[in-house]
Amino acid sequence: MHKNFNNLRVGDILRLNDDTHSVIILEVHDDKIVVAEGNYNGCVHWGREISRLEVRLTGTYVMTRYPKEQ
């Protein structure tokens, strides 16, 4: 787990809104990320775009499967 929202990778799980919502990162761009999320009006929602600013403002932490960078 980490809180470096500048180091997001495909496959990471991002916790948002004071640790109340999870999204899985599908794409990473300079100005936004694209995610999939569950329990979005009762179903899985693919392709939501979240700006990097929104990630910084509402992000709680990141769960990653990538090794820690040295």
PDB file of N, CA and C in Angstrom:
ATOM      1  N   MET A   1       0.845  -1.177   0.000  1.00  0.00           N
ATOM      2  CA  MET A   1       0.000   0.000   0.000  1.00  0.00           C
ATOM      3  C   MET A   1       0.893   1.244   0.000  1.00  0.00           C
ATOM      4  N   HIS A   2       0.392   2.298  -0.634  1.00  0.00           N
ATOM      5  CA  HIS A   2       1.100   3.567  -0.610  1.00  0.00           C
ATOM      6  C   HIS A   2       0.121   4.708  -0.837  1.00  0.00           C
ATOM      7  N   LYS A   3       0.609   5.920  -0.675  1.00  0.00           N
ATOM      8  CA  LYS A   3      -0.221   7.114  -0.859  1.00  0.00           C
ATOM      9  C   LYS A   3       0.373   8.054  -1.890  1.00  0.00           C
ATOM     10  N   ASN A   4       1.229   7.531  -2.764  1.00  0.00           N
ATOM     11  CA  ASN A   4       1.833   8.340  -3.817  1.00  0.00           C
ATOM     12  C   ASN A   4       0.923   8.292  -5.042  1.00  0.00           C
ATOM     13  N   PHE A   5       0.020   9.274  -5.149  1.00  0.00           N
ATOM     14  CA  PHE A   5      -0.960   9.277  -6.234  1.00  0.00           C
ATOM     15  C   PHE A   5      -0.340   9.670  -7.576  1.00  0.00           C
ATOM     16  N   ASN A   6       0.950   9.992  -7.574  1.00  0.00           N
ATOM     17  CA  ASN A   6       1.669  10.218  -8.826  1.00  0.00           C
ATOM     18  C   ASN A   6       2.198   8.900  -9.389  1.00  0.00           C
ATOM     19  N   ASN A   7       2.154   7.848  -8.596  1.00  0.00           N
ATOM     20  CA  ASN A   7       2.688   6.546  -9.001  1.00  0.00           C
ATOM     21  C   ASN A   7       1.554   5.526  -9.099  1.00  0.00           C
ATOM     22  N   LEU A   8       0.623   5.765 -10.010  1.00  0.00           N
ATOM     23  CA  LEU A   8      -0.495   4.856 -10.234  1.00  0.00           C
ATOM     24  C   LEU A   8      -0.192   3.970 -11.436  1.00  0.00           C
ATOM     25  N   ARG A   9      -0.576   2.702 -11.338  1.00  0.00           N
ATOM     26  CA  ARG A   9      -0.321   1.752 -12.418  1.00  0.00           C
ATOM     27  C   ARG A   9      -1.569   0.943 -12.724  1.00  0.00           C
ATOM     28  N   VAL A  10      -1.621   0.451 -13.954  1.00  0.00           N
ATOM     29  CA  VAL A  10      -2.725  -0.422 -14.362  1.00  0.00           C
ATOM     30  C   VAL A  10      -2.779  -1.614 -13.414  1.00  0.00           C
ATOM     31  N   GLY A  11      -3.974  -1.915 -12.926  1.00  0.00           N
ATOM     32  CA  GLY A  11      -4.174  -3.028 -12.003  1.00  0.00           C
ATOM     33  C   GLY A  11      -4.205  -2.613 -10.546  1.00  0.00           C
ATOM     34  N   ASP A  12      -3.745  -1.412 -10.237  1.00  0.00           N
ATOM     35  CA  ASP A  12      -3.806  -0.926  -8.858  1.00  0.00           C
ATOM     36  C   ASP A  12      -5.254  -0.732  -8.434  1.00  0.00           C
ATOM     37  N   ILE A  13      -5.504  -0.907  -7.161  1.00  0.00           N
ATOM     38  CA  ILE A  13      -6.813  -0.624  -6.569  1.00  0.00           C
ATOM     39  C   ILE A  13      -6.685   0.684  -5.814  1.00  0.00           C
ATOM     40  N   LEU A  14      -7.498   1.643  -6.186  1.00  0.00           N
ATOM     41  CA  LEU A  14      -7.464   2.969  -5.595  1.00  0.00           C
ATOM     42  C   LEU A  14      -8.656   3.127  -4.665  1.00  0.00           C
ATOM     43  N   ARG A  15      -8.388   3.458  -3.410  1.00  0.00           N
ATOM     44  CA  ARG A  15      -9.448   3.723  -2.442  1.00  0.00           C
ATOM     45  C   ARG A  15      -9.716   5.228  -2.434  1.00  0.00           C
ATOM     46  N   LEU A  16     -10.986   5.592  -2.504  1.00  0.00           N
ATOM     47  CA  LEU A  16     -11.401   6.985  -2.602  1.00  0.00           C
ATOM     48  C   LEU A  16     -12.377   7.351  -1.492  1.00  0.00           C
ATOM     49  N   ASN A  17     -12.630   8.641  -1.374  1.00  0.00           N
ATOM     50  CA  ASN A  17     -13.695   9.170  -0.513  1.00  0.00           C
ATOM     51  C   ASN A  17     -13.608   8.657   0.922  1.00  0.00           C
ATOM     52  N   ASP A  18     -12.495   8.966   1.567  1.00  0.00           N
ATOM     53  CA  ASP A  18     -12.291   8.555   2.969  1.00  0.00           C
ATOM     54  C   ASP A  18     -12.426   7.050   3.152  1.00  0.00           C
ATOM     55  N   ASP A  19     -11.839   6.295   2.216  1.00  0.00           N
ATOM     56  CA  ASP A  19     -11.782   4.836   2.304  1.00  0.00           C
ATOM     57  C   ASP A  19     -13.156   4.169   2.192  1.00  0.00           C
ATOM     58  N   THR A  20     -14.073   4.769   1.408  1.00  0.00           N
ATOM     59  CA  THR A  20     -15.418   4.208   1.278  1.00  0.00           C
ATOM     60  C   THR A  20     -15.706   3.625  -0.104  1.00  0.00           C
ATOM     61  N   HIS A  21     -14.814   3.836  -1.081  1.00  0.00           N
ATOM     62  CA  HIS A  21     -15.088   3.377  -2.444  1.00  0.00           C
ATOM     63  C   HIS A  21     -13.786   2.908  -3.085  1.00  0.00           C
ATOM     64  N   SER A  22     -13.860   1.787  -3.799  1.00  0.00           N
ATOM     65  CA  SER A  22     -12.691   1.238  -4.498  1.00  0.00           C
ATOM     66  C   SER A  22     -12.911   1.249  -5.994  1.00  0.00           C
ATOM     67  N   VAL A  23     -11.849   1.541  -6.738  1.00  0.00           N
ATOM     68  CA  VAL A  23     -11.853   1.430  -8.193  1.00  0.00           C
ATOM     69  C   VAL A  23     -10.585   0.699  -8.609  1.00  0.00           C
ATOM     70  N   ILE A  24     -10.644   0.030  -9.749  1.00  0.00           N
ATOM     71  CA  ILE A  24      -9.481  -0.658 -10.305  1.00  0.00           C
ATOM     72  C   ILE A  24      -9.017   0.140 -11.511  1.00  0.00           C
ATOM     73  N   ILE A  25      -7.750   0.451 -11.551  1.00  0.00           N
ATOM     74  CA  ILE A  25      -7.206   1.285 -12.617  1.00  0.00           C
ATOM     75  C   ILE A  25      -7.003   0.456 -13.883  1.00  0.00           C
ATOM     76  N   LEU A  26      -7.628   0.920 -14.980  1.00  0.00           N
ATOM     77  CA  LEU A  26      -7.523   0.260 -16.279  1.00  0.00           C
ATOM     78  C   LEU A  26      -6.524   0.936 -17.195  1.00  0.00           C
ATOM     79  N   GLU A  27      -6.435   2.265 -17.108  1.00  0.00           N
ATOM     80  CA  GLU A  27      -5.528   3.050 -17.939  1.00  0.00           C
ATOM     81  C   GLU A  27      -4.992   4.203 -17.108  1.00  0.00           C
ATOM     82  N   VAL A  28      -3.747   4.585 -17.391  1.00  0.00           N
ATOM     83  CA  VAL A  28      -3.128   5.736 -16.724  1.00  0.00           C
ATOM     84  C   VAL A  28      -2.666   6.713 -17.791  1.00  0.00           C
ATOM     85  N   HIS A  29      -3.112   7.960 -17.677  1.00  0.00           N
ATOM     86  CA  HIS A  29      -2.738   9.024 -18.594  1.00  0.00           C
ATOM     87  C   HIS A  29      -2.149  10.176 -17.788  1.00  0.00           C
ATOM     88  N   ASP A  30      -1.531  11.144 -18.468  1.00  0.00           N
ATOM     89  CA  ASP A  30      -0.927  12.274 -17.774  1.00  0.00           C
ATOM     90  C   ASP A  30      -1.929  13.073 -16.964  1.00  0.00           C
ATOM     91  N   ASP A  31      -3.148  13.246 -17.465  1.00  0.00           N
ATOM     92  CA  ASP A  31      -4.136  14.120 -16.827  1.00  0.00           C
ATOM     93  C   ASP A  31      -5.325  13.391 -16.214  1.00  0.00           C
ATOM     94  N   LYS A  32      -5.400  12.061 -16.393  1.00  0.00           N
ATOM     95  CA  LYS A  32      -6.551  11.309 -15.888  1.00  0.00           C
ATOM     96  C   LYS A  32      -6.205   9.837 -15.771  1.00  0.00           C
ATOM     97  N   ILE A  33      -7.086   9.109 -15.082  1.00  0.00           N
ATOM     98  CA  ILE A  33      -7.032   7.653 -15.076  1.00  0.00           C
ATOM     99  C   ILE A  33      -8.397   7.150 -15.538  1.00  0.00           C
ATOM    100  N   VAL A  34      -8.428   5.925 -16.044  1.00  0.00           N
ATOM    101  CA  VAL A  34      -9.674   5.272 -16.454  1.00  0.00           C
ATOM    102  C   VAL A  34      -9.819   4.057 -15.557  1.00  0.00           C
ATOM    103  N   VAL A  35     -11.033   3.870 -15.004  1.00  0.00           N
ATOM    104  CA  VAL A  35     -11.221   2.842 -13.992  1.00  0.00           C
ATOM    105  C   VAL A  35     -12.449   1.978 -14.258  1.00  0.00           C
ATOM    106  N   ALA A  36     -12.502   0.867 -13.546  1.00  0.00           N
ATOM    107  CA  ALA A  36     -13.704   0.041 -13.433  1.00  0.00           C
ATOM    108  C   ALA A  36     -14.097   0.079 -11.967  1.00  0.00           C
ATOM    109  N   GLU A  37     -15.402   0.073 -11.720  1.00  0.00           N
ATOM    110  CA  GLU A  37     -15.859   0.108 -10.334  1.00  0.00           C
ATOM    111  C   GLU A  37     -17.120  -0.728 -10.183  1.00  0.00           C
ATOM    112  N   GLY A  38     -17.238  -1.349  -9.028  1.00  0.00           N
ATOM    113  CA  GLY A  38     -18.405  -2.146  -8.732  1.00  0.00           C
ATOM    114  C   GLY A  38     -19.413  -1.361  -7.919  1.00  0.00           C
ATOM    115  N   ASN A  39     -20.610  -1.920  -7.814  1.00  0.00           N
ATOM    116  CA  ASN A  39     -21.700  -1.318  -7.053  1.00  0.00           C
ATOM    117  C   ASN A  39     -21.980   0.114  -7.506  1.00  0.00           C
ATOM    118  N   TYR A  40     -21.944   0.319  -8.788  1.00  0.00           N
ATOM    119  CA  TYR A  40     -22.264   1.609  -9.399  1.00  0.00           C
ATOM    120  C   TYR A  40     -23.688   1.485  -9.918  1.00  0.00           C
ATOM    121  N   ASN A  41     -24.641   1.978  -9.163  1.00  0.00           N
ATOM    122  CA  ASN A  41     -26.061   1.784  -9.457  1.00  0.00           C
ATOM    123  C   ASN A  41     -26.409   0.298  -9.600  1.00  0.00           C
ATOM    124  N   GLY A  42     -25.781  -0.519  -8.752  1.00  0.00           N
ATOM    125  CA  GLY A  42     -26.085  -1.942  -8.720  1.00  0.00           C
ATOM    126  C   GLY A  42     -25.380  -2.790  -9.761  1.00  0.00           C
ATOM    127  N   CYS A  43     -24.415  -2.239 -10.478  1.00  0.00           N
ATOM    128  CA  CYS A  43     -23.707  -3.038 -11.483  1.00  0.00           C
ATOM    129  C   CYS A  43     -22.254  -2.583 -11.583  1.00  0.00           C
ATOM    130  N   VAL A  44     -21.487  -3.279 -12.413  1.00  0.00           N
ATOM    131  CA  VAL A  44     -20.098  -2.910 -12.666  1.00  0.00           C
ATOM    132  C   VAL A  44     -20.084  -1.851 -13.760  1.00  0.00           C
ATOM    133  N   HIS A  45     -19.308  -0.815 -13.553  1.00  0.00           N
ATOM    134  CA  HIS A  45     -19.207   0.288 -14.513  1.00  0.00           C
ATOM    135  C   HIS A  45     -17.771   0.336 -15.031  1.00  0.00           C
ATOM    136  N   TRP A  46     -17.623   0.263 -16.347  1.00  0.00           N
ATOM    137  CA  TRP A  46     -16.312   0.260 -16.992  1.00  0.00           C
ATOM    138  C   TRP A  46     -16.081   1.604 -17.681  1.00  0.00           C
ATOM    139  N   GLY A  47     -14.885   2.129 -17.557  1.00  0.00           N
ATOM    140  CA  GLY A  47     -14.490   3.270 -18.366  1.00  0.00           C
ATOM    141  C   GLY A  47     -14.674   4.643 -17.756  1.00  0.00           C
ATOM    142  N   ARG A  48     -14.980   4.731 -16.475  1.00  0.00           N
ATOM    143  CA  ARG A  48     -15.088   6.051 -15.848  1.00  0.00           C
ATOM    144  C   ARG A  48     -13.729   6.735 -15.864  1.00  0.00           C
ATOM    145  N   GLU A  49     -13.715   7.989 -16.234  1.00  0.00           N
ATOM    146  CA  GLU A  49     -12.489   8.785 -16.226  1.00  0.00           C
ATOM    147  C   GLU A  49     -12.469   9.659 -14.980  1.00  0.00           C
ATOM    148  N   ILE A  50     -11.344   9.634 -14.285  1.00  0.00           N
ATOM    149  CA  ILE A  50     -11.159  10.451 -13.088  1.00  0.00           C
ATOM    150  C   ILE A  50      -9.923  11.315 -13.311  1.00  0.00           C
ATOM    151  N   SER A  51     -10.066  12.613 -13.140  1.00  0.00           N
ATOM    152  CA  SER A  51      -8.938  13.517 -13.340  1.00  0.00           C
ATOM    153  C   SER A  51      -7.888  13.289 -12.253  1.00  0.00           C
ATOM    154  N   ARG A  52      -6.656  13.626 -12.565  1.00  0.00           N
ATOM    155  CA  ARG A  52      -5.575  13.505 -11.581  1.00  0.00           C
ATOM    156  C   ARG A  52      -5.849  14.415 -10.383  1.00  0.00           C
ATOM    157  N   LEU A  53      -6.452  15.570 -10.621  1.00  0.00           N
ATOM    158  CA  LEU A  53      -6.798  16.478  -9.526  1.00  0.00           C
ATOM    159  C   LEU A  53      -7.797  15.812  -8.581  1.00  0.00           C
ATOM    160  N   GLU A  54      -8.831  15.178  -9.126  1.00  0.00           N
ATOM    161  CA  GLU A  54      -9.814  14.497  -8.285  1.00  0.00           C
ATOM    162  C   GLU A  54      -9.173  13.364  -7.488  1.00  0.00           C
ATOM    163  N   VAL A  55      -8.241  12.646  -8.103  1.00  0.00           N
ATOM    164  CA  VAL A  55      -7.527  11.580  -7.387  1.00  0.00           C
ATOM    165  C   VAL A  55      -6.786  12.171  -6.198  1.00  0.00           C
ATOM    166  N   ARG A  56      -6.077  13.276  -6.415  1.00  0.00           N
ATOM    167  CA  ARG A  56      -5.329  13.899  -5.311  1.00  0.00           C
ATOM    168  C   ARG A  56      -6.259  14.409  -4.207  1.00  0.00           C
ATOM    169  N   LEU A  57      -7.434  14.914  -4.595  1.00  0.00           N
ATOM    170  CA  LEU A  57      -8.353  15.486  -3.611  1.00  0.00           C
ATOM    171  C   LEU A  57      -9.148  14.422  -2.840  1.00  0.00           C
ATOM    172  N   THR A  58      -9.478  13.306  -3.487  1.00  0.00           N
ATOM    173  CA  THR A  58     -10.357  12.312  -2.852  1.00  0.00           C
ATOM    174  C   THR A  58      -9.676  10.977  -2.572  1.00  0.00           C
ATOM    175  N   GLY A  59      -8.438  10.803  -3.040  1.00  0.00           N
ATOM    176  CA  GLY A  59      -7.748   9.538  -2.833  1.00  0.00           C
ATOM    177  C   GLY A  59      -7.396   9.308  -1.380  1.00  0.00           C
ATOM    178  N   THR A  60      -7.555   8.058  -0.940  1.00  0.00           N
ATOM    179  CA  THR A  60      -7.194   7.679   0.423  1.00  0.00           C
ATOM    180  C   THR A  60      -5.865   6.930   0.410  1.00  0.00           C
ATOM    181  N   TYR A  61      -5.763   5.866  -0.407  1.00  0.00           N
ATOM    182  CA  TYR A  61      -4.513   5.136  -0.577  1.00  0.00           C
ATOM    183  C   TYR A  61      -4.629   4.240  -1.799  1.00  0.00           C
ATOM    184  N   VAL A  62      -3.513   3.630  -2.167  1.00  0.00           N
ATOM    185  CA  VAL A  62      -3.429   2.749  -3.326  1.00  0.00           C
ATOM    186  C   VAL A  62      -2.960   1.375  -2.855  1.00  0.00           C
ATOM    187  N   MET A  63      -3.649   0.332  -3.300  1.00  0.00           N
ATOM    188  CA  MET A  63      -3.171  -1.030  -3.078  1.00  0.00           C
ATOM    189  C   MET A  63      -2.603  -1.510  -4.412  1.00  0.00           C
ATOM    190  N   THR A  64      -1.366  -1.933  -4.382  1.00  0.00           N
ATOM    191  CA  THR A  64      -0.694  -2.323  -5.618  1.00  0.00           C
ATOM    192  C   THR A  64      -0.100  -3.719  -5.485  1.00  0.00           C
ATOM    193  N   ARG A  65       0.105  -4.343  -6.618  1.00  0.00           N
ATOM    194  CA  ARG A  65       0.773  -5.645  -6.656  1.00  0.00           C
ATOM    195  C   ARG A  65       2.185  -5.512  -7.188  1.00  0.00           C
ATOM    196  N   TYR A  66       2.571  -4.296  -7.535  1.00  0.00           N
ATOM    197  CA  TYR A  66       3.914  -4.043  -8.034  1.00  0.00           C
ATOM    198  C   TYR A  66       4.891  -3.932  -6.872  1.00  0.00           C
ATOM    199  N   PRO A  67       6.135  -4.361  -7.087  1.00  0.00           N
ATOM    200  CA  PRO A  67       7.125  -4.228  -6.010  1.00  0.00           C
ATOM    201  C   PRO A  67       7.426  -2.754  -5.721  1.00  0.00           C
ATOM    202  N   LYS A  68       7.808  -2.492  -4.498  1.00  0.00           N
ATOM    203  CA  LYS A  68       8.149  -1.133  -4.086  1.00  0.00           C
ATOM    204  C   LYS A  68       9.381  -0.665  -4.855  1.00  0.00           C
ATOM    205  N   GLU A  69       9.289   0.562  -5.389  1.00  0.00           N
ATOM    206  CA  GLU A  69      10.428   1.115  -6.126  1.00  0.00           C
ATOM    207  C   GLU A  69      11.506   1.545  -5.151  1.00  0.00           C
ATOM    208  N   GLN A  70      12.725   1.301  -5.527  1.00  0.00           N
ATOM    209  CA  GLN A  70      13.868   1.670  -4.675  1.00  0.00           C
ATOM    210  C   GLN A  70      14.351   3.065  -4.989  1.00  0.00           C
TER     211      GLN A  70
END
